[in-house]
Amino acid sequence: MEREVNVKHWYAVHCKPLQDARAEQHLRNQGYEVFRPKLRERRRGASGVRVVTGSLFPRYLFVQLDNLHQDWGPIRSTRGVAGLVRMGGTAPPLPDSLVQEIRSRLDTDDCLHPRPDSPYRQNEKLRIVEGPFSGLEGLFQTRSGEERVVLLLNVMQRTTRITAPEPAVARA
């Protein structure tokens, strides 16, 4: 007797601008298993400092899909969704270990908590310690929000500007 192979995999979904939460809710309403990691950030405003929650990966979330028995068609027309992330016309599955690693660093609300300020100097060398660019080094440029940093990376002989959560970088 043949054993059924696990056919559920995680896929990245690209959301429309500022509609991550809407896409998450509408996908859940349709019965899809959705994971949208969030980041709590401290923001200063006229009324003082407050903590706000946003997507850890703005405009992206993850959906677990069965590639044999599940209809993926409704995802394209879901409110807030721009489409599945594709490479060469195909939506590649994400490694389960990647999603599990992200989940292991979050609290029960799928949130990463703010860290105390850790000032970096312009062009200071930082190493990325988490995520898909883990192990690469870049030069600090600026902050993008309270909990994100902008780095210049040399990738394939080309300077690339990326934004990363501050907890994902460390001094080199």
N, C-alpha and C. Protein backbone atom coordinates (compact mmCIF):
# COMPACT_ATOMS: atom_id res chain seq x y z
N MET A 1 0.84 -1.19 0.00
CA MET A 1 0.00 0.00 0.00
C MET A 1 0.88 1.24 0.00
N GLU A 2 0.56 2.18 -0.88
CA GLU A 2 1.36 3.39 -1.00
C GLU A 2 1.05 4.37 0.11
N ARG A 3 2.09 4.97 0.59
CA ARG A 3 1.95 6.00 1.61
C ARG A 3 1.71 7.34 0.92
N GLU A 4 0.78 8.14 1.44
CA GLU A 4 0.52 9.45 0.85
C GLU A 4 1.63 10.41 1.22
N VAL A 5 2.17 11.07 0.22
CA VAL A 5 3.25 12.02 0.40
C VAL A 5 2.66 13.35 0.86
N ASN A 6 3.38 14.01 1.78
CA ASN A 6 2.93 15.33 2.23
C ASN A 6 2.93 16.28 1.04
N VAL A 7 1.78 16.75 0.67
CA VAL A 7 1.67 17.61 -0.50
C VAL A 7 1.41 19.06 -0.12
N LYS A 8 1.40 19.37 1.17
CA LYS A 8 1.20 20.75 1.61
C LYS A 8 2.54 21.44 1.73
N HIS A 9 2.60 22.62 1.11
CA HIS A 9 3.81 23.42 1.15
C HIS A 9 3.42 24.88 1.37
N TRP A 10 4.38 25.66 1.87
CA TRP A 10 4.17 27.10 2.04
C TRP A 10 4.59 27.83 0.78
N TYR A 11 3.79 28.84 0.42
CA TYR A 11 4.07 29.67 -0.75
C TYR A 11 3.96 31.13 -0.34
N ALA A 12 4.73 31.98 -1.01
CA ALA A 12 4.69 33.42 -0.73
C ALA A 12 3.59 34.06 -1.56
N VAL A 13 2.84 34.95 -0.92
CA VAL A 13 1.78 35.70 -1.58
C VAL A 13 2.18 37.17 -1.58
N HIS A 14 2.10 37.81 -2.73
CA HIS A 14 2.38 39.24 -2.85
C HIS A 14 1.06 39.99 -2.69
N CYS A 15 1.04 40.94 -1.77
CA CYS A 15 -0.19 41.68 -1.48
C CYS A 15 -0.16 43.05 -2.14
N LYS A 16 -1.33 43.62 -2.30
CA LYS A 16 -1.43 44.99 -2.80
C LYS A 16 -0.94 45.95 -1.71
N PRO A 17 -0.50 47.15 -2.09
CA PRO A 17 0.04 48.08 -1.08
C PRO A 17 -0.92 48.32 0.08
N LEU A 18 -0.39 48.20 1.29
CA LEU A 18 -1.11 48.46 2.54
C LEU A 18 -2.34 47.56 2.74
N GLN A 19 -2.34 46.38 2.11
CA GLN A 19 -3.49 45.49 2.23
C GLN A 19 -3.12 44.10 2.73
N ASP A 20 -2.00 44.00 3.45
CA ASP A 20 -1.56 42.70 3.98
C ASP A 20 -2.63 42.09 4.90
N ALA A 21 -3.13 42.91 5.84
CA ALA A 21 -4.12 42.40 6.80
C ALA A 21 -5.41 42.00 6.09
N ARG A 22 -5.82 42.79 5.11
CA ARG A 22 -7.04 42.47 4.36
C ARG A 22 -6.86 41.15 3.61
N ALA A 23 -5.73 40.98 2.95
CA ALA A 23 -5.47 39.73 2.22
C ALA A 23 -5.47 38.55 3.18
N GLU A 24 -4.82 38.72 4.34
CA GLU A 24 -4.77 37.65 5.33
C GLU A 24 -6.19 37.24 5.75
N GLN A 25 -7.01 38.21 6.08
CA GLN A 25 -8.37 37.91 6.54
C GLN A 25 -9.21 37.23 5.46
N HIS A 26 -9.13 37.74 4.24
CA HIS A 26 -9.95 37.16 3.17
C HIS A 26 -9.48 35.76 2.79
N LEU A 27 -8.17 35.51 2.84
CA LEU A 27 -7.68 34.15 2.57
C LEU A 27 -8.14 33.19 3.66
N ARG A 28 -8.10 33.65 4.93
CA ARG A 28 -8.58 32.81 6.04
C ARG A 28 -10.07 32.51 5.87
N ASN A 29 -10.85 33.53 5.48
CA ASN A 29 -12.29 33.34 5.28
C ASN A 29 -12.59 32.28 4.22
N GLN A 30 -11.66 32.09 3.28
CA GLN A 30 -11.84 31.09 2.23
C GLN A 30 -11.29 29.72 2.65
N GLY A 31 -10.77 29.62 3.87
CA GLY A 31 -10.31 28.34 4.38
C GLY A 31 -8.84 28.04 4.18
N TYR A 32 -8.06 29.01 3.69
CA TYR A 32 -6.63 28.78 3.51
C TYR A 32 -5.90 28.97 4.84
N GLU A 33 -4.83 28.21 5.04
CA GLU A 33 -3.98 28.40 6.21
C GLU A 33 -2.98 29.51 5.86
N VAL A 34 -2.99 30.58 6.65
CA VAL A 34 -2.20 31.78 6.35
C VAL A 34 -1.27 32.09 7.51
N PHE A 35 -0.08 32.56 7.18
CA PHE A 35 0.89 33.00 8.18
C PHE A 35 1.43 34.36 7.74
N ARG A 36 1.13 35.38 8.55
CA ARG A 36 1.64 36.74 8.28
C ARG A 36 2.42 37.19 9.50
N PRO A 37 3.75 37.01 9.48
CA PRO A 37 4.53 37.45 10.63
C PRO A 37 4.46 38.96 10.77
N LYS A 38 4.37 39.41 12.02
CA LYS A 38 4.20 40.84 12.28
C LYS A 38 5.32 41.37 13.15
N LEU A 39 5.48 42.67 13.13
CA LEU A 39 6.51 43.35 13.90
C LEU A 39 5.85 44.46 14.69
N ARG A 40 6.14 44.50 15.98
CA ARG A 40 5.67 45.61 16.81
C ARG A 40 6.76 46.67 16.80
N GLU A 41 6.38 47.90 16.45
CA GLU A 41 7.35 49.00 16.38
C GLU A 41 6.92 50.13 17.28
N ARG A 42 7.90 50.82 17.82
CA ARG A 42 7.63 52.04 18.58
C ARG A 42 7.63 53.20 17.61
N ARG A 43 6.59 54.02 17.66
CA ARG A 43 6.51 55.20 16.79
C ARG A 43 6.26 56.43 17.65
N ARG A 44 6.97 57.48 17.30
CA ARG A 44 6.76 58.75 18.00
C ARG A 44 5.77 59.58 17.22
N GLY A 45 4.85 60.18 17.93
CA GLY A 45 3.86 61.04 17.31
C GLY A 45 3.57 62.22 18.21
N ALA A 46 2.60 63.00 17.83
CA ALA A 46 2.24 64.17 18.62
C ALA A 46 1.77 63.79 20.02
N SER A 47 1.17 62.61 20.14
CA SER A 47 0.67 62.18 21.44
C SER A 47 1.70 61.35 22.22
N GLY A 48 2.93 61.29 21.74
CA GLY A 48 3.98 60.54 22.43
C GLY A 48 4.33 59.26 21.70
N VAL A 49 5.04 58.38 22.38
CA VAL A 49 5.47 57.12 21.79
C VAL A 49 4.36 56.08 21.93
N ARG A 50 4.08 55.37 20.84
CA ARG A 50 3.09 54.31 20.89
C ARG A 50 3.64 53.11 20.13
N VAL A 51 3.10 51.96 20.42
CA VAL A 51 3.52 50.73 19.76
C VAL A 51 2.48 50.38 18.70
N VAL A 52 2.94 50.18 17.47
CA VAL A 52 2.05 49.79 16.38
C VAL A 52 2.51 48.44 15.83
N THR A 53 1.59 47.71 15.23
CA THR A 53 1.90 46.40 14.67
C THR A 53 1.72 46.46 13.16
N GLY A 54 2.74 45.97 12.44
CA GLY A 54 2.69 45.90 10.99
C GLY A 54 3.32 44.61 10.52
N SER A 55 3.30 44.36 9.24
CA SER A 55 3.88 43.14 8.69
C SER A 55 5.40 43.16 8.81
N LEU A 56 5.97 42.04 9.19
CA LEU A 56 7.42 41.90 9.23
C LEU A 56 7.98 42.00 7.81
N PHE A 57 7.24 41.46 6.84
CA PHE A 57 7.61 41.55 5.44
C PHE A 57 6.49 42.30 4.73
N PRO A 58 6.54 43.64 4.70
CA PRO A 58 5.45 44.40 4.09
C PRO A 58 5.14 43.92 2.67
N ARG A 59 3.84 43.75 2.40
CA ARG A 59 3.29 43.32 1.12
C ARG A 59 3.47 41.82 0.84
N TYR A 60 3.89 41.05 1.87
CA TYR A 60 4.03 39.61 1.68
C TYR A 60 3.44 38.87 2.86
N LEU A 61 2.91 37.69 2.59
CA LEU A 61 2.49 36.75 3.61
C LEU A 61 2.68 35.36 3.04
N PHE A 62 2.45 34.36 3.87
CA PHE A 62 2.64 32.98 3.45
C PHE A 62 1.31 32.24 3.52
N VAL A 63 1.08 31.35 2.57
CA VAL A 63 -0.12 30.53 2.56
C VAL A 63 0.30 29.08 2.34
N GLN A 64 -0.31 28.17 3.11
CA GLN A 64 0.01 26.75 2.95
C GLN A 64 -1.01 26.13 2.01
N LEU A 65 -0.51 25.52 0.95
CA LEU A 65 -1.38 24.98 -0.09
C LEU A 65 -1.07 23.52 -0.36
N ASP A 66 -2.11 22.77 -0.67
CA ASP A 66 -2.01 21.38 -1.08
C ASP A 66 -1.89 21.39 -2.60
N ASN A 67 -0.75 20.95 -3.12
CA ASN A 67 -0.55 21.07 -4.57
C ASN A 67 -1.25 19.99 -5.38
N LEU A 68 -1.96 19.07 -4.74
CA LEU A 68 -2.69 18.04 -5.49
C LEU A 68 -4.21 18.17 -5.36
N HIS A 69 -4.70 18.57 -4.19
CA HIS A 69 -6.13 18.51 -3.93
C HIS A 69 -6.80 19.85 -3.71
N GLN A 70 -6.07 20.95 -3.79
CA GLN A 70 -6.65 22.25 -3.43
C GLN A 70 -6.69 23.17 -4.65
N ASP A 71 -7.78 23.91 -4.78
CA ASP A 71 -7.95 24.86 -5.87
C ASP A 71 -7.26 26.17 -5.50
N TRP A 72 -6.25 26.54 -6.28
CA TRP A 72 -5.50 27.77 -6.02
C TRP A 72 -6.12 28.97 -6.73
N GLY A 73 -7.05 28.72 -7.61
CA GLY A 73 -7.64 29.78 -8.42
C GLY A 73 -8.19 30.97 -7.66
N PRO A 74 -8.93 30.74 -6.57
CA PRO A 74 -9.51 31.88 -5.86
C PRO A 74 -8.48 32.85 -5.26
N ILE A 75 -7.24 32.41 -5.09
CA ILE A 75 -6.23 33.28 -4.49
C ILE A 75 -6.04 34.53 -5.34
N ARG A 76 -6.01 34.37 -6.66
CA ARG A 76 -5.77 35.51 -7.57
C ARG A 76 -6.81 36.62 -7.41
N SER A 77 -8.04 36.25 -7.12
CA SER A 77 -9.10 37.26 -7.04
C SER A 77 -9.47 37.63 -5.60
N THR A 78 -8.64 37.23 -4.65
CA THR A 78 -8.89 37.56 -3.25
C THR A 78 -8.56 39.03 -3.00
N ARG A 79 -9.43 39.72 -2.28
CA ARG A 79 -9.18 41.13 -1.96
C ARG A 79 -7.86 41.28 -1.23
N GLY A 80 -7.07 42.24 -1.68
CA GLY A 80 -5.79 42.53 -1.06
C GLY A 80 -4.62 41.75 -1.66
N VAL A 81 -4.90 40.73 -2.45
CA VAL A 81 -3.84 39.90 -3.03
C VAL A 81 -3.50 40.38 -4.43
N ALA A 82 -2.20 40.54 -4.69
CA ALA A 82 -1.73 40.85 -6.04
C ALA A 82 -1.47 39.54 -6.80
N GLY A 83 -1.05 38.50 -6.09
CA GLY A 83 -0.83 37.20 -6.71
C GLY A 83 0.20 36.39 -5.95
N LEU A 84 0.39 35.16 -6.35
CA LEU A 84 1.44 34.33 -5.77
C LEU A 84 2.78 34.80 -6.31
N VAL A 85 3.82 34.71 -5.50
CA VAL A 85 5.16 35.04 -5.97
C VAL A 85 5.60 33.93 -6.90
N ARG A 86 6.01 34.30 -8.10
CA ARG A 86 6.37 33.31 -9.11
C ARG A 86 7.80 33.54 -9.61
N MET A 87 8.39 32.45 -10.03
CA MET A 87 9.70 32.51 -10.68
C MET A 87 9.58 31.71 -11.96
N GLY A 88 9.74 32.39 -13.07
CA GLY A 88 9.61 31.70 -14.34
C GLY A 88 8.23 31.14 -14.58
N GLY A 89 7.20 31.80 -14.09
CA GLY A 89 5.83 31.35 -14.30
C GLY A 89 5.34 30.33 -13.30
N THR A 90 6.22 29.85 -12.42
CA THR A 90 5.86 28.84 -11.44
C THR A 90 6.00 29.40 -10.03
N ALA A 91 5.05 29.07 -9.18
CA ALA A 91 5.13 29.48 -7.77
C ALA A 91 5.95 28.42 -7.03
N PRO A 92 7.21 28.76 -6.66
CA PRO A 92 8.03 27.77 -5.97
C PRO A 92 7.63 27.64 -4.50
N PRO A 93 7.62 26.43 -3.97
CA PRO A 93 7.32 26.28 -2.54
C PRO A 93 8.50 26.78 -1.70
N LEU A 94 8.19 27.28 -0.52
CA LEU A 94 9.22 27.71 0.42
C LEU A 94 9.62 26.51 1.28
N PRO A 95 10.85 26.46 1.72
CA PRO A 95 11.22 25.37 2.63
C PRO A 95 10.42 25.48 3.93
N ASP A 96 9.86 24.36 4.38
CA ASP A 96 9.11 24.37 5.64
C ASP A 96 9.99 24.86 6.78
N SER A 97 11.29 24.55 6.71
CA SER A 97 12.21 24.96 7.77
C SER A 97 12.30 26.49 7.87
N LEU A 98 12.17 27.19 6.75
CA LEU A 98 12.21 28.66 6.77
C LEU A 98 11.02 29.21 7.55
N VAL A 99 9.84 28.71 7.25
CA VAL A 99 8.64 29.18 7.94
C VAL A 99 8.70 28.81 9.41
N GLN A 100 9.18 27.61 9.73
CA GLN A 100 9.29 27.20 11.13
C GLN A 100 10.29 28.06 11.89
N GLU A 101 11.39 28.43 11.23
CA GLU A 101 12.40 29.29 11.87
C GLU A 101 11.82 30.67 12.17
N ILE A 102 11.07 31.23 11.23
CA ILE A 102 10.44 32.53 11.47
C ILE A 102 9.45 32.41 12.62
N ARG A 103 8.63 31.36 12.60
CA ARG A 103 7.64 31.15 13.67
C ARG A 103 8.29 31.00 15.04
N SER A 104 9.44 30.36 15.09
CA SER A 104 10.10 30.12 16.37
C SER A 104 10.58 31.41 17.02
N ARG A 105 10.72 32.46 16.26
CA ARG A 105 11.22 33.73 16.78
C ARG A 105 10.10 34.71 17.14
N LEU A 106 8.87 34.29 16.93
CA LEU A 106 7.73 35.17 17.17
C LEU A 106 6.98 34.74 18.41
N ASP A 107 6.17 35.66 18.94
CA ASP A 107 5.34 35.33 20.11
C ASP A 107 4.03 34.69 19.64
N THR A 108 3.10 34.49 20.56
CA THR A 108 1.85 33.82 20.24
C THR A 108 0.96 34.61 19.29
N ASP A 109 1.19 35.91 19.16
CA ASP A 109 0.43 36.73 18.21
C ASP A 109 1.15 36.85 16.87
N ASP A 110 2.14 35.98 16.61
CA ASP A 110 2.96 36.05 15.40
C ASP A 110 3.66 37.39 15.28
N CYS A 111 4.10 37.96 16.41
CA CYS A 111 4.76 39.26 16.41
C CYS A 111 6.19 39.17 16.91
N LEU A 112 7.05 39.97 16.30
CA LEU A 112 8.41 40.16 16.76
C LEU A 112 8.39 41.45 17.56
N HIS A 113 8.91 41.42 18.77
CA HIS A 113 8.86 42.59 19.65
C HIS A 113 9.98 43.56 19.34
N PRO A 114 9.74 44.85 19.62
CA PRO A 114 10.79 45.84 19.38
C PRO A 114 12.00 45.60 20.29
N ARG A 115 13.15 45.94 19.77
CA ARG A 115 14.38 45.87 20.54
C ARG A 115 14.80 47.28 20.92
N PRO A 116 15.57 47.41 21.99
CA PRO A 116 16.08 48.73 22.33
C PRO A 116 16.94 49.27 21.18
N ASP A 117 17.02 50.58 21.10
CA ASP A 117 17.83 51.19 20.04
C ASP A 117 19.26 50.68 20.11
N SER A 118 19.82 50.39 18.96
CA SER A 118 21.23 50.00 18.86
C SER A 118 21.82 50.82 17.73
N PRO A 119 22.43 51.95 18.05
CA PRO A 119 22.87 52.88 17.01
C PRO A 119 24.01 52.33 16.16
N TYR A 120 23.86 52.46 14.87
CA TYR A 120 24.90 52.10 13.92
C TYR A 120 25.37 53.38 13.24
N ARG A 121 26.62 53.39 12.85
CA ARG A 121 27.17 54.55 12.13
C ARG A 121 27.03 54.34 10.63
N GLN A 122 26.94 55.43 9.90
CA GLN A 122 26.88 55.39 8.43
C GLN A 122 28.06 54.57 7.90
N ASN A 123 27.79 53.63 7.01
CA ASN A 123 28.78 52.75 6.37
C ASN A 123 29.45 51.76 7.33
N GLU A 124 28.87 51.56 8.52
CA GLU A 124 29.39 50.54 9.43
C GLU A 124 29.06 49.17 8.85
N LYS A 125 30.00 48.23 8.93
CA LYS A 125 29.81 46.90 8.37
C LYS A 125 28.92 46.08 9.32
N LEU A 126 27.82 45.55 8.77
CA LEU A 126 26.90 44.71 9.53
C LEU A 126 26.79 43.36 8.83
N ARG A 127 26.55 42.33 9.62
CA ARG A 127 26.33 40.98 9.09
C ARG A 127 24.86 40.63 9.27
N ILE A 128 24.26 40.07 8.24
CA ILE A 128 22.87 39.60 8.34
C ILE A 128 22.92 38.22 8.97
N VAL A 129 22.20 38.06 10.09
CA VAL A 129 22.26 36.82 10.85
C VAL A 129 20.99 35.98 10.76
N GLU A 130 19.96 36.52 10.13
CA GLU A 130 18.69 35.79 9.99
C GLU A 130 18.11 36.04 8.61
N GLY A 131 17.37 35.08 8.13
CA GLY A 131 16.63 35.27 6.89
C GLY A 131 17.38 34.79 5.66
N PRO A 132 16.82 35.07 4.49
CA PRO A 132 17.38 34.53 3.25
C PRO A 132 18.77 35.07 2.92
N PHE A 133 19.15 36.24 3.45
CA PHE A 133 20.46 36.81 3.18
C PHE A 133 21.46 36.51 4.31
N SER A 134 21.11 35.59 5.20
CA SER A 134 21.94 35.25 6.34
C SER A 134 23.37 34.94 5.90
N GLY A 135 24.34 35.53 6.63
CA GLY A 135 25.75 35.32 6.32
C GLY A 135 26.36 36.40 5.47
N LEU A 136 25.54 37.18 4.77
CA LEU A 136 26.08 38.27 3.93
C LEU A 136 26.38 39.49 4.79
N GLU A 137 27.34 40.28 4.33
CA GLU A 137 27.67 41.51 5.03
C GLU A 137 27.31 42.69 4.15
N GLY A 138 26.92 43.77 4.80
CA GLY A 138 26.56 44.98 4.09
C GLY A 138 26.94 46.20 4.89
N LEU A 139 26.76 47.35 4.29
CA LEU A 139 27.08 48.61 4.95
C LEU A 139 25.80 49.31 5.37
N PHE A 140 25.73 49.69 6.65
CA PHE A 140 24.57 50.38 7.18
C PHE A 140 24.43 51.73 6.48
N GLN A 141 23.20 52.07 6.06
CA GLN A 141 22.92 53.34 5.43
C GLN A 141 22.05 54.23 6.30
N THR A 142 20.91 53.69 6.71
CA THR A 142 19.96 54.49 7.48
C THR A 142 18.95 53.56 8.13
N ARG A 143 18.04 54.14 8.87
CA ARG A 143 16.92 53.39 9.44
C ARG A 143 15.69 53.62 8.55
N SER A 144 14.86 52.61 8.52
CA SER A 144 13.59 52.71 7.82
C SER A 144 12.54 52.31 8.84
N GLY A 145 12.03 53.28 9.57
CA GLY A 145 11.17 52.97 10.70
C GLY A 145 12.07 52.67 11.89
N GLU A 146 11.44 52.44 13.04
CA GLU A 146 12.22 52.24 14.26
C GLU A 146 12.91 50.90 14.33
N GLU A 147 12.38 49.88 13.67
CA GLU A 147 12.92 48.53 13.84
C GLU A 147 13.49 47.95 12.54
N ARG A 148 13.75 48.78 11.55
CA ARG A 148 14.30 48.29 10.28
C ARG A 148 15.53 49.11 9.92
N VAL A 149 16.47 48.45 9.26
CA VAL A 149 17.68 49.13 8.83
C VAL A 149 17.83 48.95 7.33
N VAL A 150 18.47 49.92 6.69
CA VAL A 150 18.74 49.85 5.26
C VAL A 150 20.23 49.59 5.10
N LEU A 151 20.54 48.54 4.32
CA LEU A 151 21.93 48.15 4.09
C LEU A 151 22.23 48.16 2.60
N LEU A 152 23.51 48.38 2.27
CA LEU A 152 23.99 48.20 0.91
C LEU A 152 24.74 46.88 0.88
N LEU A 153 24.31 45.97 0.01
CA LEU A 153 24.96 44.67 -0.15
C LEU A 153 25.59 44.60 -1.53
N ASN A 154 26.70 43.90 -1.61
CA ASN A 154 27.31 43.63 -2.91
C ASN A 154 26.90 42.22 -3.29
N VAL A 155 25.91 42.10 -4.19
CA VAL A 155 25.38 40.81 -4.61
C VAL A 155 25.62 40.67 -6.10
N MET A 156 26.33 39.62 -6.48
CA MET A 156 26.64 39.33 -7.88
C MET A 156 27.24 40.54 -8.57
N GLN A 157 28.25 41.12 -7.93
CA GLN A 157 29.01 42.25 -8.46
C GLN A 157 28.13 43.47 -8.74
N ARG A 158 27.09 43.61 -7.92
CA ARG A 158 26.18 44.74 -8.07
C ARG A 158 25.77 45.21 -6.68
N THR A 159 25.78 46.50 -6.47
CA THR A 159 25.38 47.05 -5.18
C THR A 159 23.86 47.08 -5.11
N THR A 160 23.32 46.44 -4.07
CA THR A 160 21.88 46.34 -3.90
C THR A 160 21.50 46.91 -2.54
N ARG A 161 20.45 47.70 -2.52
CA ARG A 161 19.95 48.29 -1.27
C ARG A 161 18.80 47.42 -0.77
N ILE A 162 18.93 46.94 0.48
CA ILE A 162 17.85 46.13 1.06
C ILE A 162 17.45 46.70 2.41
N THR A 163 16.23 46.41 2.80
CA THR A 163 15.73 46.77 4.12
C THR A 163 15.55 45.48 4.90
N ALA A 164 16.04 45.47 6.13
CA ALA A 164 15.96 44.26 6.95
C ALA A 164 15.50 44.64 8.36
N PRO A 165 14.80 43.72 9.03
CA PRO A 165 14.45 43.97 10.43
C PRO A 165 15.73 44.07 11.26
N GLU A 166 15.78 45.02 12.19
CA GLU A 166 16.98 45.20 12.99
C GLU A 166 17.42 43.92 13.70
N PRO A 167 16.49 43.10 14.21
CA PRO A 167 16.93 41.87 14.88
C PRO A 167 17.66 40.91 13.94
N ALA A 168 17.57 41.11 12.63
CA ALA A 168 18.21 40.22 11.68
C ALA A 168 19.64 40.61 11.36
N VAL A 169 20.16 41.71 11.96
CA VAL A 169 21.53 42.14 11.69
C VAL A 169 22.33 42.27 12.98
N ALA A 170 23.65 42.18 12.82
CA ALA A 170 24.57 42.35 13.94
C ALA A 170 25.84 42.99 13.41
N ARG A 171 26.59 43.60 14.30
CA ARG A 171 27.86 44.17 13.89
C ARG A 171 28.77 43.04 13.38
N ALA A 172 29.48 43.32 12.30
CA ALA A 172 30.39 42.31 11.71
C ALA A 172 31.68 42.22 12.50
